[in-house]
Amino acid sequence: MQNIYAALLLHKAEKEINEENLKKVVAAAGIDADDSKIKSLVASLKGVDIDKELESASLVAAAPAGGNASAGESEKKQEAKPKEEKKEAAAEGLSALFG
């Protein structure tokens, strides 16, 4: 996951997302870089419009969960979910962005 965060940070800084830059960001965070995971991520991001992917992820996250349920009912259902489930759903959403 730290590699994805590093890639997003590089993207935000308008720097090239390549193996060397990713390794530098991960190392600066005090984490050992896994070369194979970094290579895989760089290859996966080739040709991906990150801004477009982030925008579509934001739209999906903002959509109401219940479809036919009123806004109040959706909010109540979401509040009833444990925080762990919300964190796991967010992590799954991020991994879907980058294949």
N, C-alpha and C. Protein backbone atom coordinates (compact mmCIF):
# COMPACT_ATOMS: atom_id res chain seq x y z
N MET A 1 0.82 -1.18 0.00
CA MET A 1 0.00 0.00 0.00
C MET A 1 0.88 1.26 0.00
N GLN A 2 2.03 1.18 0.67
CA GLN A 2 2.89 2.35 0.73
C GLN A 2 3.39 2.74 -0.66
N ASN A 3 3.50 1.78 -1.55
CA ASN A 3 3.94 2.10 -2.91
C ASN A 3 2.87 2.91 -3.65
N ILE A 4 1.62 2.58 -3.42
CA ILE A 4 0.53 3.34 -4.04
C ILE A 4 0.50 4.76 -3.50
N TYR A 5 0.67 4.88 -2.18
CA TYR A 5 0.71 6.22 -1.58
C TYR A 5 1.87 7.03 -2.17
N ALA A 6 3.00 6.37 -2.33
CA ALA A 6 4.17 7.05 -2.89
C ALA A 6 3.88 7.50 -4.33
N ALA A 7 3.21 6.65 -5.10
CA ALA A 7 2.86 7.01 -6.47
C ALA A 7 1.90 8.19 -6.50
N LEU A 8 0.93 8.18 -5.59
CA LEU A 8 -0.01 9.30 -5.53
C LEU A 8 0.69 10.59 -5.12
N LEU A 9 1.64 10.48 -4.21
CA LEU A 9 2.41 11.65 -3.79
C LEU A 9 3.23 12.21 -4.95
N LEU A 10 3.87 11.33 -5.69
CA LEU A 10 4.63 11.77 -6.87
C LEU A 10 3.71 12.42 -7.90
N HIS A 11 2.55 11.82 -8.09
CA HIS A 11 1.58 12.38 -9.05
C HIS A 11 1.16 13.78 -8.61
N LYS A 12 0.86 13.94 -7.33
CA LYS A 12 0.44 15.24 -6.80
C LYS A 12 1.54 16.28 -6.97
N ALA A 13 2.79 15.84 -6.83
CA ALA A 13 3.94 16.74 -6.98
C ALA A 13 4.32 16.94 -8.44
N GLU A 14 3.55 16.33 -9.34
CA GLU A 14 3.79 16.41 -10.78
C GLU A 14 5.18 15.90 -11.17
N LYS A 15 5.60 14.83 -10.47
CA LYS A 15 6.87 14.17 -10.78
C LYS A 15 6.58 12.88 -11.53
N GLU A 16 7.56 12.42 -12.28
CA GLU A 16 7.39 11.17 -13.03
C GLU A 16 7.31 9.99 -12.06
N ILE A 17 6.35 9.10 -12.32
CA ILE A 17 6.21 7.90 -11.49
C ILE A 17 7.04 6.80 -12.14
N ASN A 18 8.25 6.64 -11.64
CA ASN A 18 9.14 5.60 -12.13
C ASN A 18 9.76 4.88 -10.93
N GLU A 19 10.50 3.83 -11.20
CA GLU A 19 11.06 3.01 -10.13
C GLU A 19 11.98 3.81 -9.21
N GLU A 20 12.84 4.61 -9.79
CA GLU A 20 13.80 5.37 -9.01
C GLU A 20 13.10 6.35 -8.06
N ASN A 21 12.12 7.09 -8.59
CA ASN A 21 11.41 8.06 -7.75
C ASN A 21 10.59 7.38 -6.65
N LEU A 22 9.95 6.26 -7.00
CA LEU A 22 9.17 5.54 -6.00
C LEU A 22 10.07 5.03 -4.88
N LYS A 23 11.23 4.49 -5.24
CA LYS A 23 12.16 3.99 -4.23
C LYS A 23 12.61 5.12 -3.30
N LYS A 24 12.85 6.30 -3.86
CA LYS A 24 13.28 7.44 -3.05
C LYS A 24 12.19 7.85 -2.05
N VAL A 25 10.95 7.89 -2.50
CA VAL A 25 9.85 8.30 -1.63
C VAL A 25 9.65 7.27 -0.52
N VAL A 26 9.64 6.00 -0.88
CA VAL A 26 9.45 4.94 0.11
C VAL A 26 10.60 4.94 1.12
N ALA A 27 11.82 5.09 0.63
CA ALA A 27 12.99 5.13 1.52
C ALA A 27 12.94 6.35 2.44
N ALA A 28 12.48 7.48 1.92
CA ALA A 28 12.37 8.69 2.74
C ALA A 28 11.37 8.51 3.88
N ALA A 29 10.41 7.61 3.69
CA ALA A 29 9.43 7.31 4.73
C ALA A 29 9.98 6.30 5.74
N GLY A 30 11.19 5.81 5.49
CA GLY A 30 11.80 4.85 6.40
C GLY A 30 11.33 3.43 6.20
N ILE A 31 10.85 3.12 5.01
CA ILE A 31 10.34 1.79 4.70
C ILE A 31 11.26 1.14 3.67
N ASP A 32 11.52 -0.15 3.86
CA ASP A 32 12.33 -0.88 2.89
C ASP A 32 11.53 -1.06 1.59
N ALA A 33 12.13 -0.68 0.48
CA ALA A 33 11.47 -0.78 -0.82
C ALA A 33 11.54 -2.21 -1.34
N ASP A 34 10.42 -2.70 -1.81
CA ASP A 34 10.35 -4.03 -2.43
C ASP A 34 10.40 -3.82 -3.94
N ASP A 35 11.56 -4.14 -4.53
CA ASP A 35 11.78 -3.87 -5.95
C ASP A 35 10.73 -4.49 -6.86
N SER A 36 10.33 -5.72 -6.57
CA SER A 36 9.38 -6.39 -7.45
C SER A 36 8.01 -5.72 -7.40
N LYS A 37 7.59 -5.28 -6.23
CA LYS A 37 6.30 -4.60 -6.11
C LYS A 37 6.33 -3.24 -6.79
N ILE A 38 7.46 -2.57 -6.68
CA ILE A 38 7.60 -1.26 -7.32
C ILE A 38 7.58 -1.42 -8.84
N LYS A 39 8.30 -2.40 -9.34
CA LYS A 39 8.29 -2.65 -10.79
C LYS A 39 6.89 -2.96 -11.28
N SER A 40 6.20 -3.78 -10.53
CA SER A 40 4.83 -4.15 -10.89
C SER A 40 3.90 -2.94 -10.90
N LEU A 41 4.02 -2.09 -9.91
CA LEU A 41 3.19 -0.89 -9.84
C LEU A 41 3.47 0.05 -11.01
N VAL A 42 4.73 0.28 -11.29
CA VAL A 42 5.10 1.16 -12.41
C VAL A 42 4.53 0.61 -13.71
N ALA A 43 4.63 -0.70 -13.92
CA ALA A 43 4.10 -1.32 -15.13
C ALA A 43 2.57 -1.19 -15.17
N SER A 44 1.93 -1.32 -14.03
CA SER A 44 0.46 -1.23 -13.97
C SER A 44 -0.04 0.18 -14.25
N LEU A 45 0.76 1.16 -13.92
CA LEU A 45 0.34 2.55 -14.10
C LEU A 45 0.63 3.12 -15.48
N LYS A 46 1.34 2.35 -16.30
CA LYS A 46 1.63 2.82 -17.67
C LYS A 46 0.32 3.06 -18.42
N GLY A 47 0.15 4.25 -18.92
CA GLY A 47 -1.03 4.59 -19.70
C GLY A 47 -2.28 4.88 -18.88
N VAL A 48 -2.17 4.91 -17.56
CA VAL A 48 -3.33 5.18 -16.71
C VAL A 48 -3.41 6.68 -16.44
N ASP A 49 -4.59 7.26 -16.65
CA ASP A 49 -4.82 8.65 -16.31
C ASP A 49 -5.26 8.70 -14.85
N ILE A 50 -4.31 8.98 -13.96
CA ILE A 50 -4.57 8.92 -12.52
C ILE A 50 -5.63 9.93 -12.11
N ASP A 51 -5.61 11.12 -12.68
CA ASP A 51 -6.63 12.12 -12.34
C ASP A 51 -8.03 11.60 -12.66
N LYS A 52 -8.17 10.99 -13.81
CA LYS A 52 -9.47 10.46 -14.22
C LYS A 52 -9.91 9.33 -13.28
N GLU A 53 -8.98 8.46 -12.91
CA GLU A 53 -9.30 7.35 -12.00
C GLU A 53 -9.70 7.86 -10.62
N LEU A 54 -8.99 8.87 -10.13
CA LEU A 54 -9.34 9.44 -8.83
C LEU A 54 -10.70 10.11 -8.86
N GLU A 55 -10.99 10.78 -9.97
CA GLU A 55 -12.30 11.43 -10.12
C GLU A 55 -13.42 10.40 -10.12
N SER A 56 -13.25 9.31 -10.86
CA SER A 56 -14.30 8.29 -10.91
C SER A 56 -14.43 7.60 -9.55
N ALA A 57 -13.35 7.44 -8.82
CA ALA A 57 -13.41 6.85 -7.49
C ALA A 57 -14.16 7.77 -6.54
N SER A 58 -13.98 9.07 -6.69
CA SER A 58 -14.69 10.04 -5.85
C SER A 58 -16.18 10.00 -6.14
N LEU A 59 -16.54 9.85 -7.40
CA LEU A 59 -17.95 9.80 -7.77
C LEU A 59 -18.61 8.55 -7.21
N VAL A 60 -17.92 7.43 -7.24
CA VAL A 60 -18.46 6.18 -6.71
C VAL A 60 -18.62 6.29 -5.20
N ALA A 61 -17.66 6.89 -4.54
CA ALA A 61 -17.71 7.03 -3.08
C ALA A 61 -18.83 7.97 -2.66
N ALA A 62 -19.17 8.95 -3.49
CA ALA A 62 -20.21 9.92 -3.15
C ALA A 62 -21.61 9.42 -3.46
N ALA A 63 -21.74 8.35 -4.25
CA ALA A 63 -23.06 7.83 -4.62
C ALA A 63 -23.75 7.23 -3.40
N PRO A 64 -25.07 7.40 -3.29
CA PRO A 64 -25.79 6.82 -2.16
C PRO A 64 -25.74 5.29 -2.21
N ALA A 65 -25.66 4.69 -1.05
CA ALA A 65 -25.51 3.23 -0.97
C ALA A 65 -26.80 2.48 -1.24
N GLY A 66 -27.96 3.04 -0.88
CA GLY A 66 -29.19 2.30 -0.91
C GLY A 66 -30.00 2.36 -2.18
N GLY A 67 -29.66 3.16 -3.12
CA GLY A 67 -30.41 3.25 -4.36
C GLY A 67 -31.81 3.81 -4.14
N ASN A 68 -32.75 3.00 -3.62
CA ASN A 68 -34.12 3.43 -3.40
C ASN A 68 -34.33 4.04 -2.02
N ALA A 69 -33.41 3.86 -1.11
CA ALA A 69 -33.57 4.38 0.24
C ALA A 69 -33.43 5.89 0.26
N SER A 70 -34.11 6.53 1.19
CA SER A 70 -33.98 7.98 1.32
C SER A 70 -32.61 8.30 1.88
N ALA A 71 -32.22 9.56 1.79
CA ALA A 71 -30.90 9.96 2.26
C ALA A 71 -30.74 9.68 3.75
N GLY A 72 -31.77 9.92 4.53
CA GLY A 72 -31.70 9.67 5.96
C GLY A 72 -31.50 8.20 6.28
N GLU A 73 -32.19 7.33 5.55
CA GLU A 73 -32.04 5.90 5.78
C GLU A 73 -30.63 5.44 5.41
N SER A 74 -30.09 5.99 4.33
CA SER A 74 -28.74 5.61 3.91
C SER A 74 -27.73 6.01 4.98
N GLU A 75 -27.92 7.20 5.53
CA GLU A 75 -26.99 7.67 6.57
C GLU A 75 -27.06 6.76 7.79
N LYS A 76 -28.25 6.36 8.18
CA LYS A 76 -28.40 5.49 9.34
C LYS A 76 -27.73 4.15 9.10
N LYS A 77 -27.91 3.60 7.90
CA LYS A 77 -27.28 2.32 7.57
C LYS A 77 -25.77 2.45 7.59
N GLN A 78 -25.24 3.56 7.07
CA GLN A 78 -23.80 3.75 7.05
C GLN A 78 -23.25 3.91 8.46
N GLU A 79 -23.99 4.60 9.34
CA GLU A 79 -23.53 4.77 10.70
C GLU A 79 -23.52 3.45 11.45
N ALA A 80 -24.40 2.55 11.09
CA ALA A 80 -24.49 1.26 11.75
C ALA A 80 -23.31 0.35 11.41
N LYS A 81 -22.64 0.59 10.27
CA LYS A 81 -21.49 -0.23 9.89
C LYS A 81 -20.33 0.04 10.85
N PRO A 82 -19.67 -1.00 11.27
CA PRO A 82 -18.48 -0.80 12.10
C PRO A 82 -17.40 -0.08 11.30
N LYS A 83 -16.56 0.65 12.02
CA LYS A 83 -15.50 1.41 11.36
C LYS A 83 -14.53 0.52 10.60
N GLU A 84 -14.30 -0.70 11.08
CA GLU A 84 -13.40 -1.63 10.40
C GLU A 84 -13.88 -1.93 8.99
N GLU A 85 -15.18 -2.16 8.82
CA GLU A 85 -15.71 -2.47 7.50
C GLU A 85 -15.51 -1.30 6.56
N LYS A 86 -15.67 -0.08 7.06
CA LYS A 86 -15.48 1.10 6.21
C LYS A 86 -14.03 1.20 5.76
N LYS A 87 -13.08 0.92 6.67
CA LYS A 87 -11.67 0.97 6.31
C LYS A 87 -11.33 -0.08 5.27
N GLU A 88 -11.88 -1.29 5.44
CA GLU A 88 -11.62 -2.37 4.49
C GLU A 88 -12.21 -2.03 3.11
N ALA A 89 -13.39 -1.42 3.10
CA ALA A 89 -14.01 -1.05 1.82
C ALA A 89 -13.18 0.02 1.12
N ALA A 90 -12.66 0.97 1.88
CA ALA A 90 -11.82 2.01 1.30
C ALA A 90 -10.55 1.43 0.72
N ALA A 91 -9.94 0.49 1.42
CA ALA A 91 -8.71 -0.14 0.93
C ALA A 91 -8.99 -0.94 -0.34
N GLU A 92 -10.13 -1.63 -0.39
CA GLU A 92 -10.48 -2.38 -1.60
C GLU A 92 -10.69 -1.44 -2.77
N GLY A 93 -11.29 -0.30 -2.52
CA GLY A 93 -11.51 0.68 -3.58
C GLY A 93 -10.22 1.22 -4.16
N LEU A 94 -9.26 1.49 -3.29
CA LEU A 94 -7.96 1.98 -3.76
C LEU A 94 -7.22 0.93 -4.57
N SER A 95 -7.29 -0.32 -4.14
CA SER A 95 -6.57 -1.34 -4.89
C SER A 95 -7.21 -1.56 -6.26
N ALA A 96 -8.50 -1.32 -6.38
CA ALA A 96 -9.16 -1.46 -7.67
C ALA A 96 -8.71 -0.39 -8.64
N LEU A 97 -8.30 0.76 -8.12
CA LEU A 97 -7.84 1.85 -8.99
C LEU A 97 -6.60 1.47 -9.78
N PHE A 98 -5.74 0.71 -9.15
CA PHE A 98 -4.45 0.44 -9.76
C PHE A 98 -4.27 -1.03 -10.13
N GLY A 99 -5.37 -1.73 -10.33
CA GLY A 99 -5.32 -3.09 -10.83
C GLY A 99 -4.66 -4.02 -9.90
